[in-house]
Protein backbone atom coordinates (compact mmCIF):
# COMPACT_ATOMS: atom_id res chain seq x y z
CA UNK A 1 106.16 125.36 75.45
CA UNK A 2 106.54 123.10 72.40
CA UNK A 3 103.58 120.73 71.94
CA UNK A 4 101.98 122.29 74.99
CA UNK A 5 104.30 120.39 77.31
CA UNK A 6 104.86 121.84 80.77
CA UNK A 7 107.17 119.13 82.17
CA UNK A 8 110.07 117.00 80.99
CA UNK A 9 112.39 114.32 82.32
CA UNK A 10 115.98 113.88 81.17
CA UNK A 11 118.80 111.47 81.94
CA UNK A 12 121.76 112.55 84.07
CA UNK A 13 124.62 110.10 84.61
CA UNK A 14 127.73 111.76 83.22
CA UNK A 15 131.31 110.64 83.63
CA UNK A 16 131.93 113.26 86.30
CA UNK A 17 129.85 115.17 88.82
CA UNK A 18 130.79 118.38 87.00
CA UNK A 19 129.14 116.96 83.86
CA UNK A 20 125.96 116.26 85.80
CA UNK A 21 125.92 119.74 87.33
CA UNK A 22 126.45 121.42 83.95
CA UNK A 23 123.69 119.40 82.30
CA UNK A 24 121.31 120.31 85.10
CA UNK A 25 122.28 123.99 84.87
CA UNK A 26 121.73 124.12 81.10
CA UNK A 27 118.38 122.34 81.32
CA UNK A 28 117.06 124.81 83.88
CA UNK A 29 118.45 127.78 81.96
CA UNK A 30 116.77 126.66 78.72
CA UNK A 31 113.38 125.78 80.20
CA UNK A 32 113.09 128.63 82.68
CA UNK A 33 112.09 128.60 86.35
CA UNK A 34 108.42 127.66 85.85
CA UNK A 35 108.96 124.56 83.71
CA UNK A 36 108.71 121.30 85.64
CA UNK A 37 111.90 119.23 85.44
CA UNK A 38 112.66 115.71 86.57
CA UNK A 39 115.91 113.75 86.37
CA UNK A 40 116.49 110.05 85.79
CA UNK A 41 119.89 109.00 87.14
CA UNK A 42 119.60 105.39 85.86
CA UNK A 43 121.44 103.94 88.86
CA UNK A 44 118.95 101.14 89.54
CA UNK A 45 119.88 99.45 86.28
CA UNK A 46 122.46 100.13 83.60
CA UNK A 47 121.48 101.62 80.23
CA UNK A 48 125.06 101.93 78.90
CA UNK A 49 125.50 100.43 75.42
CA UNK A 50 129.15 101.30 74.80
CA UNK A 51 130.88 102.89 77.78
CA UNK A 52 129.67 101.84 81.21
CA UNK A 53 128.53 104.84 83.20
CA UNK A 54 129.76 105.55 86.73
CA UNK A 55 127.95 103.91 89.64
CA UNK A 56 126.83 106.36 92.30
CA UNK A 57 127.39 105.72 95.97
CA UNK A 58 125.47 107.38 98.78
CA UNK A 59 127.92 110.27 98.99
CA UNK A 60 127.62 111.15 95.31
CA UNK A 61 123.84 110.76 95.40
CA UNK A 62 123.73 113.15 98.38
CA UNK A 63 125.70 115.77 96.50
CA UNK A 64 123.45 115.50 93.47
CA UNK A 65 120.31 115.78 95.59
CA UNK A 66 121.74 119.07 96.86
CA UNK A 67 121.94 120.30 93.26
CA UNK A 68 118.42 119.01 92.65
CA UNK A 69 117.10 121.08 95.54
CA UNK A 70 118.78 124.21 94.17
CA UNK A 71 117.35 123.57 90.69
CA UNK A 72 113.85 122.96 92.04
CA UNK A 73 113.42 119.50 90.51
CA UNK A 74 110.09 117.74 90.93
CA UNK A 75 111.90 114.47 91.62
CA UNK A 76 115.08 112.47 91.05
CA UNK A 77 114.54 108.98 89.74
CA UNK A 78 116.73 106.04 90.75
CA UNK A 79 119.78 107.81 92.26
CA UNK A 80 120.94 104.48 93.73
CA UNK A 81 120.52 100.78 93.05
CA UNK A 82 116.98 99.48 93.64
CA UNK A 83 118.23 97.02 96.27
CA UNK A 84 120.29 99.57 98.22
CA UNK A 85 117.33 99.88 100.57
CA UNK A 86 119.17 101.25 103.59
CA UNK A 87 120.99 103.91 101.57
CA UNK A 88 117.83 104.84 99.67
CA UNK A 89 115.90 105.18 102.91
CA UNK A 90 118.64 107.37 104.37
CA UNK A 91 118.81 109.54 101.27
CA UNK A 92 115.02 109.94 101.12
CA UNK A 93 114.96 111.14 104.74
CA UNK A 94 117.62 113.77 104.10
CA UNK A 95 116.27 115.58 101.04
CA UNK A 96 113.23 117.70 100.27
CA UNK A 97 113.21 116.51 96.63
CA UNK A 98 111.17 113.30 96.23
CA UNK A 99 112.99 110.18 95.10
CA UNK A 100 111.21 108.05 92.50
CA UNK A 101 111.82 104.55 91.19
CA UNK A 102 110.62 101.03 90.50
CA UNK A 103 110.76 101.11 86.68
CA UNK A 104 111.82 97.54 85.99
CA UNK A 105 110.11 95.68 88.79
CA UNK A 106 108.58 92.47 87.48
CA UNK A 107 106.60 91.45 90.57
CA UNK A 108 105.07 93.07 93.63
CA UNK A 109 107.79 91.72 95.95
CA UNK A 110 110.43 94.43 95.25
CA UNK A 111 107.71 97.10 95.28
CA UNK A 112 106.67 95.96 98.75
CA UNK A 113 110.29 96.06 99.96
CA UNK A 114 110.78 99.59 98.60
CA UNK A 115 107.61 100.79 100.30
CA UNK A 116 108.44 99.12 103.62
CA UNK A 117 111.91 100.66 103.55
CA UNK A 118 110.54 104.15 102.79
CA UNK A 119 112.92 104.28 99.84
CA UNK A 120 110.75 106.13 97.31
CA UNK A 121 108.08 108.80 97.53
CA UNK A 122 106.94 108.13 93.95
CA UNK A 123 106.61 104.64 92.46
CA UNK A 124 107.16 104.28 88.72
CA UNK A 125 106.41 100.71 87.53
CA UNK A 126 105.98 99.99 83.82
CA UNK A 127 103.04 97.75 82.89
CA UNK A 128 105.08 96.40 79.97
CA UNK A 129 107.44 94.76 82.49
CA UNK A 130 105.36 94.31 85.64
CA UNK A 131 101.98 93.56 84.05
CA UNK A 132 98.76 95.35 84.91
CA UNK A 133 98.11 93.04 87.88
CA UNK A 134 101.28 94.14 89.66
CA UNK A 135 100.63 97.76 88.65
CA UNK A 136 97.13 97.56 90.15
CA UNK A 137 98.59 96.32 93.46
CA UNK A 138 101.13 99.14 93.32
CA UNK A 139 98.36 101.69 92.84
CA UNK A 140 96.59 100.34 95.92
CA UNK A 141 99.71 100.52 98.08
CA UNK A 142 100.41 104.07 96.84
CA UNK A 143 96.93 105.06 97.97
CA UNK A 144 97.29 103.39 101.36
CA UNK A 145 100.83 104.67 102.02
CA UNK A 146 100.27 108.17 100.66
CA UNK A 147 102.85 107.75 97.90
CA UNK A 148 102.88 109.21 94.41
CA UNK A 149 102.35 107.04 91.34
CA UNK A 150 103.75 107.84 87.89
CA UNK A 151 104.11 104.88 85.53
CA UNK A 152 107.23 104.74 83.40
CA UNK A 153 106.59 104.07 79.73
CA UNK A 154 109.54 103.95 77.40
CA UNK A 155 108.34 101.52 74.77
CA UNK A 156 105.76 101.36 72.01
CA UNK A 157 102.14 102.47 71.89
CA UNK A 158 100.75 99.26 73.39
CA UNK A 159 102.75 99.70 76.60
CA UNK A 160 102.02 103.43 76.60
CA UNK A 161 98.28 102.76 76.38
CA UNK A 162 98.43 100.28 79.28
CA UNK A 163 100.31 102.76 81.47
CA UNK A 164 97.95 105.57 80.51
CA UNK A 165 94.96 103.52 81.67
CA UNK A 166 96.83 102.73 84.90
CA UNK A 167 97.42 106.41 85.59
CA UNK A 168 93.76 107.24 84.94
CA UNK A 169 92.73 104.47 87.35
CA UNK A 170 95.08 105.86 90.00
CA UNK A 171 93.75 109.39 89.63
CA UNK A 172 90.15 108.19 89.89
CA UNK A 173 90.99 106.08 92.93
CA UNK A 174 92.75 108.74 94.98
CA UNK A 175 91.02 111.84 93.60
CA UNK A 176 92.52 115.22 94.43
CA UNK A 177 95.34 113.53 96.37
CA UNK A 178 96.84 112.51 92.99
CA UNK A 179 97.78 116.13 92.37
CA UNK A 180 99.56 116.62 89.05
CA UNK A 181 100.53 112.97 88.58
CA UNK A 182 102.59 112.50 85.43
CA UNK A 183 102.84 109.85 82.72
CA UNK A 184 106.15 109.31 80.96
CA UNK A 185 105.52 110.01 77.26
CA UNK A 186 108.28 108.65 74.98
CA UNK A 187 109.12 111.55 72.68
CA UNK A 188 112.70 112.21 71.57
CA UNK A 189 112.87 113.74 68.09
CA UNK A 190 114.11 112.94 65.57
CA UNK A 191 114.62 109.31 66.65
CA UNK A 192 111.46 108.68 68.66
CA UNK A 193 108.25 110.17 67.27
CA UNK A 194 104.69 108.78 67.53
CA UNK A 195 104.62 107.63 63.90
CA UNK A 196 107.80 105.59 64.48
CA UNK A 197 107.17 104.50 68.06
CA UNK A 198 103.62 103.35 67.28
CA UNK A 199 104.22 101.86 63.84
CA UNK A 200 102.30 98.73 64.85
CA UNK A 201 99.15 100.74 65.66
CA UNK A 202 96.53 101.94 63.20
CA UNK A 203 96.53 105.31 65.01
CA UNK A 204 99.61 106.60 66.87
CA UNK A 205 99.08 107.97 70.37
CA UNK A 206 99.74 111.66 69.88
CA UNK A 207 99.38 114.69 72.14
CA UNK A 208 96.65 117.27 71.74
CA UNK A 209 97.50 121.00 71.45
CA UNK A 210 97.47 121.37 75.24
CA UNK A 211 100.11 118.70 75.71
CA UNK A 212 97.58 116.14 77.00
CA UNK A 213 97.38 112.53 75.88
CA UNK A 214 93.75 111.53 75.12
CA UNK A 215 92.72 108.23 76.73
CA UNK A 216 91.71 105.57 74.16
CA UNK A 217 88.10 104.50 74.74
CA UNK A 218 87.79 101.47 72.45
CA UNK A 219 87.57 97.97 74.02
CA UNK A 220 90.60 96.58 75.83
CA UNK A 221 93.52 98.98 75.88
CA UNK A 222 91.78 101.01 73.21
CA UNK A 223 94.45 100.59 70.53
CA UNK A 224 94.28 98.55 67.34
CA UNK A 225 97.18 96.77 65.68
CA UNK A 226 97.92 97.56 62.04
CA UNK A 227 97.49 94.16 60.34
CA UNK A 228 99.64 94.93 57.28
CA UNK A 229 102.57 96.16 59.38
CA UNK A 230 102.27 93.19 61.72
CA UNK A 231 102.36 90.76 58.78
CA UNK A 232 105.41 92.49 57.36
CA UNK A 233 107.52 92.76 60.48
CA UNK A 234 105.96 90.38 63.00
CA UNK A 235 107.01 86.81 63.64
CA UNK A 236 104.69 84.35 65.34
CA UNK A 237 106.60 82.38 67.92
CA UNK A 238 103.65 80.64 69.63
CA UNK A 239 100.12 79.61 68.67
CA UNK A 240 97.47 78.37 71.09
CA UNK A 241 94.27 76.49 70.22
CA UNK A 242 91.80 74.73 72.58
CA UNK A 243 93.37 71.37 71.73
CA UNK A 244 96.92 72.63 72.34
CA UNK A 245 95.78 74.21 75.59
CA UNK A 246 94.37 70.88 76.74
CA UNK A 247 97.57 69.03 75.81
CA UNK A 248 99.85 71.57 77.54
CA UNK A 249 97.65 71.56 80.65
CA UNK A 250 97.59 67.77 80.74
CA UNK A 251 101.37 67.64 80.61
CA UNK A 252 101.73 70.16 83.40
CA UNK A 253 98.79 69.37 85.67
CA UNK A 254 97.66 65.86 84.83
CA UNK A 255 94.53 64.55 83.10
CA UNK A 256 92.16 64.93 86.07
CA UNK A 257 93.06 68.58 86.60
CA UNK A 258 92.83 69.24 82.85
CA UNK A 259 89.32 67.80 82.68
CA UNK A 260 88.32 69.93 85.66
CA UNK A 261 89.67 73.14 84.08
CA UNK A 262 88.14 72.49 80.66
CA UNK A 263 84.80 71.62 82.23
CA UNK A 264 84.86 74.83 84.23
CA UNK A 265 85.53 76.85 81.05
CA UNK A 266 82.61 75.18 79.25
CA UNK A 267 80.26 75.86 82.16
CA UNK A 268 81.20 79.54 82.22
CA UNK A 269 80.75 79.81 78.46
CA UNK A 270 77.30 78.18 78.56
CA UNK A 271 76.19 80.52 81.33
CA UNK A 272 77.23 83.61 79.37
CA UNK A 273 80.25 84.43 81.54
CA UNK A 274 83.33 85.27 79.48
CA UNK A 275 86.93 85.48 80.55
CA UNK A 276 89.12 88.47 79.80
CA UNK A 277 92.49 88.10 78.12
């Protein structure tokens, strides 16, 4: 396949169910029976910019899951609203095709609710929205609950690098149980290509000839910002110095607490212990 890719995900949320069925039929016809396909229904949150797409109810989601089974999809992502826990749980129990979701969760609370309700078999948080702390907790619950983990990543190279590291951590944690866990790689030519998507990076995150994404090994996330591009297009909206930190802390926590925090930082620095971030 092109670029060595062996899997792809595409959006399906047409005006009619016939539109959805035709799009699914064409995708399978073009890729062939051995190519791995996933569908994102975008029902958990709206992505419509001009015309608002139809909202699926349980009945329509059921009918589409039937088509997904016939087409041999790897999963269907967000066929219902994220908070339709009862309907999601019912739908998940009725279909052999895994249901995925959790893209725009900002905290662990909705993730926990989705897991408790047995709504999804694959969790797909994005570190750019949830933060790596929430993603790390999600990885742990996926391991404990026997769920799949496949971070969404539909932004720039910084977010992509964070999600790539999260996926590597998940695979190392669960081992062979991870199977063929996937990372969403934003690539939609001609609009979205690595050189455009990662314009703020010195080196775009590109695929190798096998369709794999090499893991950056430099410190931190492993990516470096392009200073000239950042100066040209970036706008600083906040600056923090030790003095400003002390003032902001004093306003929020009081002078005694500020002195305690600043003293703790100095003690760690003098002992050779450094904070991350």
